[in-house]
């Protein structure tokens, strides 16, 4: 639902977030996800690893950690990196004189405070 503009607009409407508040809301939700990911890694005593390239195959990397650590189920670890991703940008439509959201390709910084969990 969130991967399409109309789906994102519907979500924001349901949670009561205005277009102008989109960036702040997105950042707050990202921080909640990051905090939960790091907390899960701490609770499970699993590693948090920074990957210096988006070209590293995360599934293969996670499988290798699982093999080395004897993990058969559950959280393997938290991987962080910078990757290309589709996101949204707010712009002012001159014809309709309204703020609108458009999907854009961007770099998503999943650095030390931006983990992505992979489980295999």
N, C-alpha and C. Protein backbone atom coordinates (compact mmCIF):
# COMPACT_ATOMS: atom_id res chain seq x y z
N UNK A 1 0.82 -1.19 0.00
CA UNK A 1 0.00 0.00 0.00
C UNK A 1 0.87 1.26 0.00
N UNK A 2 1.96 1.25 0.75
CA UNK A 2 2.79 2.45 0.87
C UNK A 2 3.72 2.67 -0.31
N UNK A 3 3.81 1.70 -1.22
CA UNK A 3 4.70 1.85 -2.35
C UNK A 3 4.08 2.63 -3.50
N UNK A 4 2.82 3.04 -3.36
CA UNK A 4 2.14 3.83 -4.38
C UNK A 4 1.68 5.14 -3.76
N UNK A 5 1.70 6.20 -4.54
CA UNK A 5 1.32 7.52 -4.04
C UNK A 5 -0.08 7.49 -3.42
N UNK A 6 -1.05 6.90 -4.12
CA UNK A 6 -2.42 6.88 -3.60
C UNK A 6 -2.50 6.08 -2.29
N UNK A 7 -1.76 5.00 -2.21
CA UNK A 7 -1.73 4.22 -0.98
C UNK A 7 -1.12 5.01 0.17
N UNK A 8 -0.04 5.73 -0.12
CA UNK A 8 0.59 6.56 0.91
C UNK A 8 -0.35 7.68 1.34
N UNK A 9 -1.03 8.28 0.39
CA UNK A 9 -1.97 9.36 0.72
C UNK A 9 -3.10 8.81 1.60
N UNK A 10 -3.60 7.63 1.29
CA UNK A 10 -4.65 7.01 2.10
C UNK A 10 -4.17 6.72 3.51
N UNK A 11 -2.95 6.21 3.63
CA UNK A 11 -2.38 5.94 4.94
C UNK A 11 -2.27 7.23 5.76
N UNK A 12 -1.71 8.27 5.16
CA UNK A 12 -1.54 9.53 5.88
C UNK A 12 -2.89 10.10 6.31
N UNK A 13 -3.89 9.96 5.47
CA UNK A 13 -5.23 10.43 5.82
C UNK A 13 -5.76 9.65 7.03
N UNK A 14 -5.59 8.34 7.01
CA UNK A 14 -6.09 7.50 8.11
C UNK A 14 -5.40 7.82 9.44
N UNK A 15 -4.11 8.16 9.39
CA UNK A 15 -3.40 8.44 10.64
C UNK A 15 -3.40 9.92 10.99
N UNK A 16 -4.07 10.74 10.16
CA UNK A 16 -4.23 12.16 10.46
C UNK A 16 -2.98 13.01 10.25
N UNK A 17 -2.17 12.65 9.24
CA UNK A 17 -0.95 13.41 8.93
C UNK A 17 -1.17 14.22 7.67
N UNK A 18 -0.94 15.54 7.76
CA UNK A 18 -1.08 16.41 6.59
C UNK A 18 0.14 16.29 5.69
N UNK A 19 -0.02 16.67 4.43
CA UNK A 19 1.07 16.60 3.44
C UNK A 19 2.30 17.34 3.95
N UNK A 20 2.10 18.51 4.56
CA UNK A 20 3.22 19.31 5.04
C UNK A 20 3.98 18.60 6.18
N UNK A 21 3.34 17.65 6.84
CA UNK A 21 3.95 16.94 7.97
C UNK A 21 4.57 15.61 7.55
N UNK A 22 4.52 15.32 6.26
CA UNK A 22 4.97 14.02 5.75
C UNK A 22 6.41 13.70 6.14
N UNK A 23 7.33 14.62 5.93
CA UNK A 23 8.74 14.39 6.24
C UNK A 23 8.97 14.11 7.71
N UNK A 24 8.36 14.90 8.56
CA UNK A 24 8.50 14.72 10.01
C UNK A 24 7.92 13.38 10.45
N UNK A 25 6.76 13.04 9.92
CA UNK A 25 6.12 11.76 10.27
C UNK A 25 6.99 10.59 9.81
N UNK A 26 7.47 10.67 8.58
CA UNK A 26 8.31 9.61 8.05
C UNK A 26 9.58 9.42 8.87
N UNK A 27 10.18 10.53 9.29
CA UNK A 27 11.40 10.46 10.10
C UNK A 27 11.10 9.83 11.46
N UNK A 28 9.98 10.20 12.06
CA UNK A 28 9.61 9.65 13.37
C UNK A 28 9.36 8.14 13.26
N UNK A 29 8.68 7.71 12.21
CA UNK A 29 8.41 6.28 12.03
C UNK A 29 9.72 5.52 11.78
N UNK A 30 10.62 6.12 11.02
CA UNK A 30 11.93 5.52 10.76
C UNK A 30 12.69 5.33 12.06
N UNK A 31 12.70 6.35 12.90
CA UNK A 31 13.40 6.26 14.18
C UNK A 31 12.81 5.16 15.07
N UNK A 32 11.48 5.02 15.04
CA UNK A 32 10.85 3.94 15.83
C UNK A 32 11.29 2.58 15.33
N UNK A 33 11.34 2.42 14.01
CA UNK A 33 11.78 1.15 13.43
C UNK A 33 13.24 0.87 13.77
N UNK A 34 14.08 1.88 13.68
CA UNK A 34 15.50 1.72 14.02
C UNK A 34 15.66 1.32 15.48
N UNK A 35 14.99 2.03 16.36
CA UNK A 35 15.10 1.73 17.79
C UNK A 35 14.64 0.31 18.08
N UNK A 36 13.53 -0.12 17.46
CA UNK A 36 13.03 -1.47 17.67
C UNK A 36 14.00 -2.51 17.11
N UNK A 37 14.62 -2.22 15.97
CA UNK A 37 15.58 -3.14 15.37
C UNK A 37 16.81 -3.31 16.25
N UNK A 38 17.35 -2.20 16.74
CA UNK A 38 18.52 -2.26 17.60
C UNK A 38 18.20 -2.95 18.93
N UNK A 39 17.02 -2.69 19.47
CA UNK A 39 16.61 -3.33 20.72
C UNK A 39 16.49 -4.84 20.53
N UNK A 40 15.93 -5.26 19.40
CA UNK A 40 15.79 -6.70 19.13
C UNK A 40 17.17 -7.34 19.02
N UNK A 41 18.12 -6.67 18.38
CA UNK A 41 19.48 -7.20 18.26
C UNK A 41 20.14 -7.31 19.64
N UNK A 42 19.95 -6.29 20.49
CA UNK A 42 20.53 -6.34 21.84
C UNK A 42 19.92 -7.49 22.66
N UNK A 43 18.59 -7.60 22.61
CA UNK A 43 17.91 -8.66 23.37
C UNK A 43 18.37 -10.06 22.95
N UNK A 44 18.57 -10.23 21.66
CA UNK A 44 18.96 -11.54 21.13
C UNK A 44 20.48 -11.72 21.09
N UNK A 45 21.22 -10.71 21.54
CA UNK A 45 22.68 -10.73 21.50
C UNK A 45 23.19 -11.02 20.09
N UNK A 46 22.61 -10.33 19.12
CA UNK A 46 22.97 -10.50 17.72
C UNK A 46 23.74 -9.27 17.24
N UNK A 47 24.58 -9.43 16.22
CA UNK A 47 25.41 -8.31 15.76
C UNK A 47 24.65 -7.25 14.97
N UNK A 48 25.20 -6.04 15.00
CA UNK A 48 24.77 -4.95 14.14
C UNK A 48 25.98 -4.65 13.27
N UNK A 49 25.83 -4.83 11.95
CA UNK A 49 26.97 -4.70 11.04
C UNK A 49 26.70 -3.66 9.96
N UNK A 50 27.68 -2.78 9.75
CA UNK A 50 27.61 -1.80 8.66
C UNK A 50 28.22 -2.42 7.41
N UNK A 51 27.49 -2.33 6.30
CA UNK A 51 27.99 -2.82 5.01
C UNK A 51 28.41 -1.61 4.18
N UNK A 52 29.65 -1.55 3.74
CA UNK A 52 30.15 -0.35 3.05
C UNK A 52 29.65 -0.17 1.62
N UNK A 53 28.91 -1.15 1.09
CA UNK A 53 28.44 -1.06 -0.29
C UNK A 53 27.04 -1.66 -0.42
N UNK A 54 26.21 -1.02 -1.22
CA UNK A 54 24.88 -1.57 -1.49
C UNK A 54 24.97 -2.76 -2.44
N UNK A 55 26.15 -3.00 -3.01
CA UNK A 55 26.35 -4.12 -3.92
C UNK A 55 26.54 -5.45 -3.19
N UNK A 56 26.76 -5.39 -1.88
CA UNK A 56 26.90 -6.62 -1.10
C UNK A 56 25.54 -7.30 -1.04
N UNK A 57 25.49 -8.58 -1.33
CA UNK A 57 24.24 -9.34 -1.30
C UNK A 57 23.90 -9.64 0.15
N UNK A 58 22.91 -8.93 0.65
CA UNK A 58 22.57 -9.01 2.07
C UNK A 58 22.08 -10.39 2.49
N UNK A 59 21.31 -11.04 1.64
CA UNK A 59 20.82 -12.38 1.97
C UNK A 59 21.99 -13.36 2.13
N UNK A 60 22.94 -13.29 1.20
CA UNK A 60 24.11 -14.17 1.28
C UNK A 60 24.94 -13.84 2.52
N UNK A 61 25.09 -12.56 2.80
CA UNK A 61 25.85 -12.11 3.97
C UNK A 61 25.19 -12.61 5.25
N UNK A 62 23.87 -12.50 5.33
CA UNK A 62 23.12 -12.96 6.50
C UNK A 62 23.23 -14.48 6.63
N UNK A 63 23.15 -15.19 5.52
CA UNK A 63 23.28 -16.66 5.57
C UNK A 63 24.65 -17.06 6.11
N UNK A 64 25.68 -16.33 5.71
CA UNK A 64 27.03 -16.63 6.19
C UNK A 64 27.13 -16.41 7.70
N UNK A 65 26.54 -15.32 8.20
CA UNK A 65 26.53 -15.07 9.65
C UNK A 65 25.78 -16.20 10.35
N UNK A 66 24.65 -16.61 9.80
CA UNK A 66 23.87 -17.68 10.40
C UNK A 66 24.67 -18.98 10.48
N UNK A 67 25.38 -19.30 9.42
CA UNK A 67 26.20 -20.52 9.41
C UNK A 67 27.31 -20.41 10.45
N UNK A 68 28.02 -19.28 10.45
CA UNK A 68 29.13 -19.10 11.39
C UNK A 68 28.67 -19.15 12.84
N UNK A 69 27.49 -18.60 13.11
CA UNK A 69 27.00 -18.52 14.49
C UNK A 69 26.02 -19.63 14.86
N UNK A 70 25.75 -20.55 13.93
CA UNK A 70 24.86 -21.66 14.21
C UNK A 70 23.41 -21.24 14.42
N UNK A 71 22.96 -20.19 13.75
CA UNK A 71 21.59 -19.71 13.87
C UNK A 71 20.72 -20.44 12.86
N UNK A 72 19.71 -21.14 13.34
CA UNK A 72 18.79 -21.84 12.44
C UNK A 72 17.46 -21.11 12.30
N UNK A 73 17.03 -20.41 13.34
CA UNK A 73 15.78 -19.64 13.29
C UNK A 73 15.98 -18.34 14.06
N UNK A 74 15.13 -17.37 13.76
CA UNK A 74 15.15 -16.12 14.51
C UNK A 74 16.05 -15.07 13.89
N UNK A 75 16.31 -14.06 14.67
CA UNK A 75 17.09 -12.91 14.20
C UNK A 75 18.54 -13.30 13.99
N UNK A 76 19.05 -13.01 12.81
CA UNK A 76 20.45 -13.27 12.49
C UNK A 76 21.29 -12.08 12.87
N UNK A 77 20.82 -10.90 12.56
CA UNK A 77 21.54 -9.67 12.87
C UNK A 77 20.85 -8.49 12.24
N UNK A 78 21.43 -7.33 12.44
CA UNK A 78 20.92 -6.09 11.85
C UNK A 78 22.01 -5.57 10.92
N UNK A 79 21.66 -5.38 9.66
CA UNK A 79 22.60 -4.88 8.65
C UNK A 79 22.27 -3.44 8.34
N UNK A 80 23.29 -2.61 8.24
CA UNK A 80 23.10 -1.21 7.90
C UNK A 80 23.91 -0.87 6.65
N UNK A 81 23.39 0.04 5.82
CA UNK A 81 24.09 0.43 4.60
C UNK A 81 23.40 1.63 3.97
N UNK A 82 23.97 2.11 2.86
CA UNK A 82 23.34 3.15 2.05
C UNK A 82 22.91 2.48 0.75
N UNK A 83 21.63 2.62 0.40
CA UNK A 83 21.10 1.96 -0.78
C UNK A 83 20.22 2.90 -1.59
N UNK A 84 20.13 2.64 -2.91
CA UNK A 84 19.13 3.37 -3.68
C UNK A 84 17.74 2.87 -3.28
N UNK A 85 16.79 3.76 -3.18
CA UNK A 85 15.44 3.36 -2.81
C UNK A 85 14.44 4.32 -3.43
N UNK A 86 13.21 3.86 -3.51
CA UNK A 86 12.14 4.74 -3.97
C UNK A 86 11.52 5.38 -2.74
N UNK A 87 11.38 6.69 -2.81
CA UNK A 87 10.82 7.43 -1.70
C UNK A 87 9.86 8.46 -2.28
N UNK A 88 9.40 9.36 -1.45
CA UNK A 88 8.46 10.38 -1.89
C UNK A 88 9.07 11.76 -1.72
N UNK A 89 8.61 12.67 -2.57
CA UNK A 89 9.02 14.07 -2.49
C UNK A 89 7.76 14.91 -2.62
N UNK A 90 7.69 15.94 -1.82
CA UNK A 90 6.54 16.84 -1.89
C UNK A 90 6.89 17.97 -2.85
N UNK A 91 5.97 18.30 -3.73
CA UNK A 91 6.18 19.43 -4.63
C UNK A 91 4.86 20.18 -4.80
N UNK A 92 4.98 21.43 -5.18
CA UNK A 92 3.80 22.26 -5.40
C UNK A 92 3.42 22.18 -6.88
N UNK A 93 2.23 21.68 -7.16
CA UNK A 93 1.72 21.58 -8.52
C UNK A 93 1.21 22.97 -8.91
N UNK A 94 1.85 23.59 -9.88
CA UNK A 94 1.48 24.95 -10.29
C UNK A 94 0.10 25.02 -10.93
N UNK A 95 -0.28 23.94 -11.61
CA UNK A 95 -1.59 23.94 -12.27
C UNK A 95 -2.74 23.84 -11.28
N UNK A 96 -2.61 22.92 -10.33
CA UNK A 96 -3.70 22.72 -9.37
C UNK A 96 -3.54 23.58 -8.12
N UNK A 97 -2.34 24.19 -7.97
CA UNK A 97 -2.01 25.01 -6.80
C UNK A 97 -2.16 24.21 -5.50
N UNK A 98 -1.74 22.95 -5.56
CA UNK A 98 -1.81 22.07 -4.39
C UNK A 98 -0.47 21.39 -4.18
N UNK A 99 -0.23 21.01 -2.93
CA UNK A 99 0.95 20.20 -2.63
C UNK A 99 0.63 18.76 -3.00
N UNK A 100 1.58 18.11 -3.65
CA UNK A 100 1.40 16.72 -4.05
C UNK A 100 2.66 15.93 -3.74
N UNK A 101 2.51 14.63 -3.71
CA UNK A 101 3.62 13.74 -3.47
C UNK A 101 3.94 13.00 -4.75
N UNK A 102 5.24 12.88 -5.05
CA UNK A 102 5.67 12.08 -6.19
C UNK A 102 6.74 11.11 -5.73
N UNK A 103 6.76 9.94 -6.36
CA UNK A 103 7.81 8.97 -6.05
C UNK A 103 9.09 9.40 -6.75
N UNK A 104 10.20 9.25 -6.06
CA UNK A 104 11.51 9.60 -6.59
C UNK A 104 12.51 8.53 -6.16
N UNK A 105 13.51 8.30 -7.01
CA UNK A 105 14.62 7.43 -6.64
C UNK A 105 15.60 8.27 -5.83
N UNK A 106 15.97 7.77 -4.66
CA UNK A 106 16.88 8.49 -3.77
C UNK A 106 17.85 7.50 -3.16
N UNK A 107 18.81 8.05 -2.42
CA UNK A 107 19.69 7.21 -1.62
C UNK A 107 19.14 7.22 -0.21
N UNK A 108 18.96 6.04 0.34
CA UNK A 108 18.48 5.91 1.71
C UNK A 108 19.68 5.55 2.57
N UNK A 109 19.98 6.40 3.49
CA UNK A 109 21.11 6.14 4.37
C UNK A 109 20.67 5.19 5.46
N UNK A 110 21.16 3.99 5.38
CA UNK A 110 20.93 3.01 6.42
C UNK A 110 22.24 2.81 7.15
N UNK A 111 22.80 3.94 7.63
CA UNK A 111 24.09 3.92 8.31
C UNK A 111 23.95 3.39 9.71
N UNK A 112 24.89 3.68 10.58
CA UNK A 112 24.88 3.11 11.92
C UNK A 112 23.57 3.34 12.67
N UNK A 113 22.80 4.33 12.35
CA UNK A 113 21.51 4.55 13.00
C UNK A 113 20.36 4.22 12.07
N UNK A 114 20.62 3.51 10.96
CA UNK A 114 19.58 3.18 10.01
C UNK A 114 19.62 1.71 9.64
N UNK A 115 19.36 0.79 10.59
CA UNK A 115 19.49 -0.63 10.26
C UNK A 115 18.31 -1.19 9.48
N UNK A 116 18.60 -2.21 8.73
CA UNK A 116 17.56 -2.99 8.06
C UNK A 116 17.72 -4.43 8.54
N UNK A 117 16.67 -5.01 9.07
CA UNK A 117 16.77 -6.38 9.58
C UNK A 117 16.57 -7.36 8.43
N UNK A 118 17.41 -8.35 8.42
CA UNK A 118 17.28 -9.46 7.46
C UNK A 118 17.23 -10.74 8.28
N UNK A 119 16.24 -11.55 8.08
CA UNK A 119 16.23 -12.86 8.70
C UNK A 119 16.13 -13.90 7.61
N UNK A 120 16.80 -15.00 7.80
CA UNK A 120 16.80 -16.06 6.80
C UNK A 120 16.34 -17.34 7.46
